[in-house]
C-alpha atoms as a PDB file:
ATOM      1  CA  MET A   1       0.043   0.038   0.141  1.00  0.00           C
ATOM      2  CA  PHE A   2       2.682   2.390   1.077  1.00  0.00           C
ATOM      3  CA  THR A   3       4.780   1.510  -2.132  1.00  0.00           C
ATOM      4  CA  ILE A   4       2.173   2.379  -4.365  1.00  0.00           C
ATOM      5  CA  ILE A   5       1.492   5.981  -2.474  1.00  0.00           C
ATOM      6  CA  PHE A   6       4.910   6.941  -2.509  1.00  0.00           C
ATOM      7  CA  SER A   7       5.578   5.897  -5.678  1.00  0.00           C
ATOM      8  CA  LEU A   8       3.085   8.564  -6.927  1.00  0.00           C
ATOM      9  CA  GLY A   9       2.925   6.186 -10.219  1.00  0.00           C
ATOM     10  CA  LEU A  10       6.440   7.775 -11.377  1.00  0.00           C
ATOM     11  CA  SER A  11       7.587   4.153 -12.377  1.00  0.00           C
ATOM     12  CA  SER A  12       5.085   4.158 -15.256  1.00  0.00           C
ATOM     13  CA  GLY A  13       5.983   8.092 -16.106  1.00  0.00           C
ATOM     14  CA  VAL A  14      10.021   7.612 -16.228  1.00  0.00           C
ATOM     15  CA  GLN A  15       9.581   4.841 -18.015  1.00  0.00           C
ATOM     16  CA  HIS A  16       7.840   6.777 -20.665  1.00  0.00           C
ATOM     17  CA  PHE A  17       9.705   9.737 -20.725  1.00  0.00           C
ATOM     18  CA  ILE A  18      13.050   7.929 -21.533  1.00  0.00           C
ATOM     19  CA  SER A  19      11.923   5.756 -23.980  1.00  0.00           C
ATOM     20  CA  TYR A  20      10.491   9.015 -25.580  1.00  0.00           C
ATOM     21  CA  TYR A  21      13.427  11.062 -25.184  1.00  0.00           C
ATOM     22  CA  ILE A  22      15.799   7.903 -26.678  1.00  0.00           C
ATOM     23  CA  GLY A  23      13.315   7.740 -29.635  1.00  0.00           C
ATOM     24  CA  ARG A  24      14.386  11.649 -30.165  1.00  0.00           C
ATOM     25  CA  LYS A  25      18.261  10.642 -30.189  1.00  0.00           C
ATOM     26  CA  ASP A  26      18.286  13.316 -26.866  1.00  0.00           C
ATOM     27  CA  PRO A  27      20.600  11.175 -24.156  1.00  0.00           C
ATOM     28  CA  SER A  28      21.542  14.320 -22.688  1.00  0.00           C
ATOM     29  CA  THR A  29      18.107  14.529 -21.867  1.00  0.00           C
ATOM     30  CA  VAL A  30      17.989  11.048 -20.794  1.00  0.00           C
ATOM     31  CA  LYS A  31      20.820  11.541 -18.531  1.00  0.00           C
ATOM     32  CA  GLN A  32      19.247  14.839 -16.817  1.00  0.00           C
ATOM     33  CA  ILE A  33      15.914  13.083 -16.002  1.00  0.00           C
ATOM     34  CA  ILE A  34      17.490   9.784 -14.420  1.00  0.00           C
ATOM     35  CA  LYS A  35      20.110  11.957 -12.424  1.00  0.00           C
ATOM     36  CA  ARG A  36      17.184  14.491 -10.984  1.00  0.00           C
ATOM     37  CA  MET A  37      14.514  11.204 -10.665  1.00  0.00           C
ATOM     38  CA  SER A  38      16.182   9.179  -8.946  1.00  0.00           C
ATOM     39  CA  PHE A  39      16.995  12.459  -6.239  1.00  0.00           C
ATOM     40  CA  VAL A  40      13.025  12.472  -5.672  1.00  0.00           C
ATOM     41  CA  ALA A  41      12.969   8.376  -5.508  1.00  0.00           C
ATOM     42  CA  VAL A  42      15.130   8.625  -2.857  1.00  0.00           C
ATOM     43  CA  LEU A  43      13.214  12.169  -1.143  1.00  0.00           C
ATOM     44  CA  LEU A  44       9.879  10.190  -1.863  1.00  0.00           C
ATOM     45  CA  SER A  45      11.353   7.126  -0.362  1.00  0.00           C
ATOM     46  CA  ALA A  46      12.676   9.237   3.189  1.00  0.00           C
ATOM     47  CA  ALA A  47       9.437  10.416   3.453  1.00  0.00           C
ATOM     48  CA  SER A  48       7.920   6.670   3.446  1.00  0.00           C
ATOM     49  CA  LEU A  49      10.042   5.957   5.972  1.00  0.00           C
ATOM     50  CA  LEU A  50       9.254   8.557   8.229  1.00  0.00           C
ATOM     51  CA  LEU A  51       5.469   8.316   8.307  1.00  0.00           C
ATOM     52  CA  VAL A  52       5.498   4.168   8.660  1.00  0.00           C
ATOM     53  CA  TRP A  53       7.709   5.070  11.772  1.00  0.00           C
ATOM     54  CA  ILE A  54       5.166   7.724  13.202  1.00  0.00           C
ATOM     55  CA  THR A  55       1.970   5.698  12.059  1.00  0.00           C
ATOM     56  CA  ALA A  56       3.390   2.135  13.425  1.00  0.00           C
ATOM     57  CA  PRO A  57       1.772   1.407  16.374  1.00  0.00           C
ATOM     58  CA  ASP A  58      -1.314   2.986  14.824  1.00  0.00           C
ATOM     59  CA  PHE A  59      -1.454   0.066  12.053  1.00  0.00           C
ATOM     60  CA  ALA A  60       0.198  -2.159  14.863  1.00  0.00           C
ATOM     61  CA  LEU A  61      -3.675  -2.112  16.463  1.00  0.00           C
ATOM     62  CA  LEU A  62      -5.743  -1.137  13.910  1.00  0.00           C
ATOM     63  CA  PHE A  63      -4.866  -4.772  11.912  1.00  0.00           C
ATOM     64  CA  PHE A  64      -2.841  -6.568  13.948  1.00  0.00           C
ATOM     65  CA  HIS A  65      -4.416  -5.429  17.173  1.00  0.00           C
ATOM     66  CA  SER A  66      -1.353  -5.595  19.408  1.00  0.00           C
ATOM     67  CA  LEU A  67       1.262  -3.171  19.866  1.00  0.00           C
ATOM     68  CA  LYS A  68       4.161  -6.086  19.969  1.00  0.00           C
ATOM     69  CA  TYR A  69       4.161  -5.917  15.969  1.00  0.00           C
ATOM     70  CA  THR A  70       4.720  -2.429  15.732  1.00  0.00           C
ATOM     71  CA  ILE A  71       8.725  -3.275  15.346  1.00  0.00           C
ATOM     72  CA  PHE A  72       8.367  -5.553  12.592  1.00  0.00           C
ATOM     73  CA  LEU A  73       6.326  -2.501  10.520  1.00  0.00           C
ATOM     74  CA  ASN A  74       9.399  -0.456  11.801  1.00  0.00           C
ATOM     75  CA  VAL A  75      11.637  -2.311  10.079  1.00  0.00           C
ATOM     76  CA  LEU A  76       9.208  -2.853   7.173  1.00  0.00           C
ATOM     77  CA  GLY A  77       9.364   0.650   6.773  1.00  0.00           C
ATOM     78  CA  ILE A  78      13.122   0.276   6.633  1.00  0.00           C
ATOM     79  CA  ALA A  79      12.697  -2.157   3.503  1.00  0.00           C
ATOM     80  CA  LEU A  80       9.943   0.055   2.385  1.00  0.00           C
ATOM     81  CA  PHE A  81      12.711   2.647   1.602  1.00  0.00           C
ATOM     82  CA  SER A  82      14.503   0.624  -0.602  1.00  0.00           C
ATOM     83  CA  ASN A  83      11.268  -0.472  -2.059  1.00  0.00           C
ATOM     84  CA  ILE A  84      10.135   2.369  -3.591  1.00  0.00           C
ATOM     85  CA  THR A  85      13.438   3.377  -4.769  1.00  0.00           C
ATOM     86  CA  ASN A  86      13.756   0.359  -6.483  1.00  0.00           C
ATOM     87  CA  GLN A  87      10.100   0.872  -8.244  1.00  0.00           C
ATOM     88  CA  ILE A  88      11.422   4.053  -9.872  1.00  0.00           C
ATOM     89  CA  ILE A  89      15.138   2.711 -11.145  1.00  0.00           C
ATOM     90  CA  TYR A  90      13.872  -0.312 -12.182  1.00  0.00           C
ATOM     91  CA  SER A  91      11.404   1.404 -14.625  1.00  0.00           C
ATOM     92  CA  MET A  92      14.169   3.766 -15.790  1.00  0.00           C
ATOM     93  CA  LEU A  93      15.996   0.274 -16.827  1.00  0.00           C
ATOM     94  CA  LEU A  94      13.145  -0.481 -19.064  1.00  0.00           C
ATOM     95  CA  GLY A  95      12.755   3.146 -20.151  1.00  0.00           C
ATOM     96  CA  LEU A  96      16.415   2.573 -21.465  1.00  0.00           C
ATOM     97  CA  GLN A  97      15.226  -0.998 -23.351  1.00  0.00           C
ATOM     98  CA  ASN A  98      17.240  -2.943 -21.149  1.00  0.00           C
ATOM     99  CA  PHE A  99      15.013  -5.584 -20.627  1.00  0.00           C
ATOM    100  CA  LYS A 100      17.679  -8.449 -20.352  1.00  0.00           C
ATOM    101  CA  ALA A 101      19.694  -6.226 -17.217  1.00  0.00           C
ATOM    102  CA  ASN A 102      16.059  -5.692 -15.435  1.00  0.00           C
ATOM    103  CA  ALA A 103      15.188  -9.363 -15.678  1.00  0.00           C
ATOM    104  CA  ILE A 104      18.362 -10.609 -14.011  1.00  0.00           C
ATOM    105  CA  ARG A 105      18.223  -8.074 -11.626  1.00  0.00           C
ATOM    106  CA  ALA A 106      14.679  -9.742 -10.439  1.00  0.00           C
ATOM    107  CA  ILE A 107      16.107 -13.058 -10.439  1.00  0.00           C
ATOM    108  CA  ILE A 108      19.116 -11.447  -8.111  1.00  0.00           C
ATOM    109  CA  SER A 109      16.674  -9.608  -6.230  1.00  0.00           C
ATOM    110  CA  SER A 110      14.139 -12.065  -5.410  1.00  0.00           C
ATOM    111  CA  THR A 111      17.266 -14.480  -4.291  1.00  0.00           C
ATOM    112  CA  LEU A 112      18.592 -11.936  -2.378  1.00  0.00           C
ATOM    113  CA  ALA A 113      15.479 -11.035  -0.594  1.00  0.00           C
ATOM    114  CA  TYR A 114      14.223 -14.666   0.441  1.00  0.00           C
ATOM    115  CA  GLY A 115      17.688 -16.616   0.343  1.00  0.00           C
ATOM    116  CA  SER A 116      18.869 -13.954   2.825  1.00  0.00           C
ATOM    117  CA  ILE A 117      16.197 -15.319   5.412  1.00  0.00           C
ATOM    118  CA  VAL A 118      17.264 -18.833   5.806  1.00  0.00           C
ATOM    119  CA  PRO A 119      20.859 -17.561   7.165  1.00  0.00           C
ATOM    120  CA  LEU A 120      19.242 -14.977   9.780  1.00  0.00           C
ATOM    121  CA  LEU A 121      16.641 -18.171  10.839  1.00  0.00           C
ATOM    122  CA  ILE A 122      19.355 -20.094  11.691  1.00  0.00           C
ATOM    123  CA  ILE A 123      20.997 -17.687  13.687  1.00  0.00           C
ATOM    124  CA  SER A 124      17.498 -16.217  15.139  1.00  0.00           C
ATOM    125  CA  ASN A 125      14.369 -18.214  15.216  1.00  0.00           C
ATOM    126  CA  ASN A 126      12.883 -14.668  15.805  1.00  0.00           C
ATOM    127  CA  PRO A 127       9.953 -14.078  13.016  1.00  0.00           C
ATOM    128  CA  LEU A 128      11.656 -10.590  12.981  1.00  0.00           C
ATOM    129  CA  MET A 129      14.493 -11.911  10.972  1.00  0.00           C
ATOM    130  CA  ILE A 130      11.965 -12.736   8.379  1.00  0.00           C
ATOM    131  CA  VAL A 131      11.639  -9.033   7.544  1.00  0.00           C
ATOM    132  CA  VAL A 132      15.511  -7.951   7.965  1.00  0.00           C
ATOM    133  CA  GLY A 133      15.800 -10.759   5.373  1.00  0.00           C
ATOM    134  CA  TRP A 134      13.764  -8.607   3.075  1.00  0.00           C
ATOM    135  CA  ALA A 135      15.698  -5.636   3.907  1.00  0.00           C
ATOM    136  CA  VAL A 136      19.091  -6.825   3.742  1.00  0.00           C
ATOM    137  CA  GLY A 137      18.164  -8.155  -0.026  1.00  0.00           C
ATOM    138  CA  TYR A 138      16.269  -5.500  -1.167  1.00  0.00           C
ATOM    139  CA  TYR A 139      19.006  -2.727  -0.308  1.00  0.00           C
ATOM    140  CA  ILE A 140      21.728  -5.083  -2.016  1.00  0.00           C
ATOM    141  CA  ASP A 141      19.940  -4.665  -4.888  1.00  0.00           C
ATOM    142  CA  THR A 142      19.306  -1.389  -4.676  1.00  0.00           C
ATOM    143  CA  ILE A 143      23.276  -1.056  -4.872  1.00  0.00           C
ATOM    144  CA  LEU A 144      23.811  -2.582  -7.485  1.00  0.00           C
ATOM    145  CA  THR A 145      21.006  -1.431  -9.427  1.00  0.00           C
ATOM    146  CA  PHE A 146      22.347   2.112  -8.615  1.00  0.00           C
ATOM    147  CA  ILE A 147      26.023   1.685  -9.921  1.00  0.00           C
ATOM    148  CA  PHE A 148      24.488  -0.181 -13.449  1.00  0.00           C
ATOM    149  CA  LEU A 149      22.556   2.522 -14.203  1.00  0.00           C
ATOM    150  CA  PHE A 150      24.565   5.011 -13.672  1.00  0.00           C
ATOM    151  CA  GLY A 151      27.220   3.069 -15.575  1.00  0.00           C
ATOM    152  CA  LYS A 152      25.496   3.226 -18.331  1.00  0.00           C
ATOM    153  CA  ILE A 153      24.659   6.810 -18.534  1.00  0.00           C
ATOM    154  CA  LYS A 154      28.430   8.029 -17.483  1.00  0.00           C
ATOM    155  CA  GLY A 155      29.642   8.493 -20.954  1.00  0.00           C
ATOM    156  CA  ILE A 156      26.878  10.822 -21.575  1.00  0.00           C
ATOM    157  CA  GLU A 157      27.743  14.446 -21.586  1.00  0.00           C
ATOM    158  CA  ILE A 158      25.080  16.571 -20.816  1.00  0.00           C
ATOM    159  CA  LYS A 159      25.190  19.509 -23.632  1.00  0.00           C
ATOM    160  CA  SER A 160      22.607  21.825 -22.908  1.00  0.00           C
ATOM    161  CA  SER A 161      22.653  23.959 -19.325  1.00  0.00           C
ATOM    162  CA  LYS A 162      18.754  24.032 -19.763  1.00  0.00           C
ATOM    163  CA  ARG A 163      17.349  21.910 -16.921  1.00  0.00           C
ATOM    164  CA  VAL A 164      14.900  19.145 -17.524  1.00  0.00           C
ATOM    165  CA  LYS A 165      11.272  19.926 -16.546  1.00  0.00           C
ATOM    166  CA  LEU A 166       9.942  17.362 -14.331  1.00  0.00           C
ATOM    167  CA  LYS A 167       6.090  18.596 -13.829  1.00  0.00           C
ATOM    168  CA  PRO A 168       5.138  17.073 -16.994  1.00  0.00           C
ATOM    169  CA  ILE A 169       6.575  13.416 -15.677  1.00  0.00           C
ATOM    170  CA  PHE A 170       4.389  14.427 -12.916  1.00  0.00           C
ATOM    171  CA  TYR A 171       1.001  15.120 -14.555  1.00  0.00           C
ATOM    172  CA  TYR A 172       1.804  12.020 -17.049  1.00  0.00           C
ATOM    173  CA  SER A 173       2.165   9.696 -13.744  1.00  0.00           C
ATOM    174  CA  PHE A 174      -0.968  11.555 -11.585  1.00  0.00           C
ATOM    175  CA  PRO A 175      -3.602   9.286 -13.204  1.00  0.00           C
ATOM    176  CA  LEU A 176      -1.634   5.894 -13.319  1.00  0.00           C
ATOM    177  CA  PHE A 177      -0.826   6.788  -9.828  1.00  0.00           C
ATOM    178  CA  ILE A 178      -4.883   6.958  -8.805  1.00  0.00           C
ATOM    179  CA  SER A 179      -5.338   4.132 -11.059  1.00  0.00           C
ATOM    180  CA  GLY A 180      -2.912   2.091  -8.917  1.00  0.00           C
ATOM    181  CA  ILE A 181      -4.543   3.117  -5.711  1.00  0.00           C
ATOM    182  CA  ILE A 182      -8.270   2.533  -7.004  1.00  0.00           C
ATOM    183  CA  GLY A 183      -7.025  -1.057  -8.261  1.00  0.00           C
ATOM    184  CA  TYR A 184      -4.928  -2.272  -5.302  1.00  0.00           C
ATOM    185  CA  GLY A 185      -7.803  -1.190  -2.768  1.00  0.00           C
ATOM    186  CA  ALA A 186     -10.683  -2.931  -5.098  1.00  0.00           C
ATOM    187  CA  THR A 187      -8.203  -6.447  -4.900  1.00  0.00           C
ATOM    188  CA  TYR A 188      -7.192  -6.110  -1.101  1.00  0.00           C
ATOM    189  CA  VAL A 189      -9.900  -4.511   0.302  1.00  0.00           C
ATOM    190  CA  ASP A 190     -10.983  -8.388   1.657  1.00  0.00           C
ATOM    191  CA  ARG A 191      -7.731  -8.756   3.593  1.00  0.00           C
ATOM    192  CA  PHE A 192      -7.885  -5.441   5.307  1.00  0.00           C
ATOM    193  CA  THR A 193     -11.362  -6.193   6.559  1.00  0.00           C
ATOM    194  CA  VAL A 194     -10.363  -9.363   7.719  1.00  0.00           C
ATOM    195  CA  SER A 195      -7.309  -8.552   9.278  1.00  0.00           C
ATOM    196  CA  TYR A 196      -9.241  -5.591  11.240  1.00  0.00           C
ATOM    197  CA  PHE A 197     -11.700  -7.855  12.578  1.00  0.00           C
ATOM    198  CA  LEU A 198      -9.878 -11.066  13.084  1.00  0.00           C
ATOM    199  CA  ASN A 199      -6.684 -11.828  14.962  1.00  0.00           C
ATOM    200  CA  LEU A 200      -3.388 -12.663  13.171  1.00  0.00           C
ATOM    201  CA  SER A 201      -3.533 -16.596  12.864  1.00  0.00           C
ATOM    202  CA  GLU A 202      -6.680 -16.587  11.363  1.00  0.00           C
ATOM    203  CA  MET A 203      -5.297 -13.731   8.781  1.00  0.00           C
ATOM    204  CA  GLY A 204      -2.826 -16.205   8.023  1.00  0.00           C
ATOM    205  CA  ILE A 205      -5.515 -18.962   7.608  1.00  0.00           C
ATOM    206  CA  TYR A 206      -7.543 -16.368   5.097  1.00  0.00           C
ATOM    207  CA  ASN A 207      -3.998 -15.878   3.094  1.00  0.00           C
ATOM    208  CA  PHE A 208      -3.463 -19.414   2.621  1.00  0.00           C
ATOM    209  CA  SER A 209      -6.493 -20.282   1.883  1.00  0.00           C
ATOM    210  CA  LEU A 210      -6.748 -17.246  -0.895  1.00  0.00           C
ATOM    211  CA  LEU A 211      -3.431 -18.522  -2.219  1.00  0.00           C
ATOM    212  CA  ILE A 212      -4.703 -22.232  -2.635  1.00  0.00           C
ATOM    213  CA  VAL A 213      -7.939 -20.904  -4.487  1.00  0.00           C
ATOM    214  CA  SER A 214      -6.050 -18.819  -7.060  1.00  0.00           C
ATOM    215  CA  ALA A 215      -3.697 -21.877  -7.810  1.00  0.00           C
ATOM    216  CA  LEU A 216      -7.164 -23.822  -8.473  1.00  0.00           C
ATOM    217  CA  SER A 217      -8.321 -20.968 -10.243  1.00  0.00           C
ATOM    218  CA  ILE A 218      -5.026 -20.719 -13.186  1.00  0.00           C
END
């Protein structure tokens, strides 16, 4: 939910405009967009982290009915910082037509995020280690993606002193942002409702039941 809200639909907007300027053979503008939108992505991620830390006790009580889960939400907030940044910079790779690199990145990301959980759970059987494992994997992935992305534009010279306007990217992304929120709400409203009225164990059973039903539906 927070990833959709704080990314502001910019992943689609950035991808569209980078592809557009590549088509116009204007690499200088592409480099400016990547550099400036990377900074915007970090700012949005920082805002999301701050909000999650402030609201964690309220969300813990609302959906988990206990303050003992606040620490889980705090760590998820740390992971969220990387998640939002990742979502926007991944779209930059797609805009640069680096589909193969993005696919490799997705494999590495999933391997790191879920593979790091196993050694952490061996060290400690605290369920919090699952969330910590996600955060570790996501941040390693973010660093690697930034290195690759800026390596792709390193040799591009910015010819014009005129700064690229970011307003068109935001205007383009806003309807997609609204659509994403509506789509997410329509898909997950049942989970929020169940989580509010039932305890965490029953919510786990409900999610597992949905997984089985979804697999059967395919």
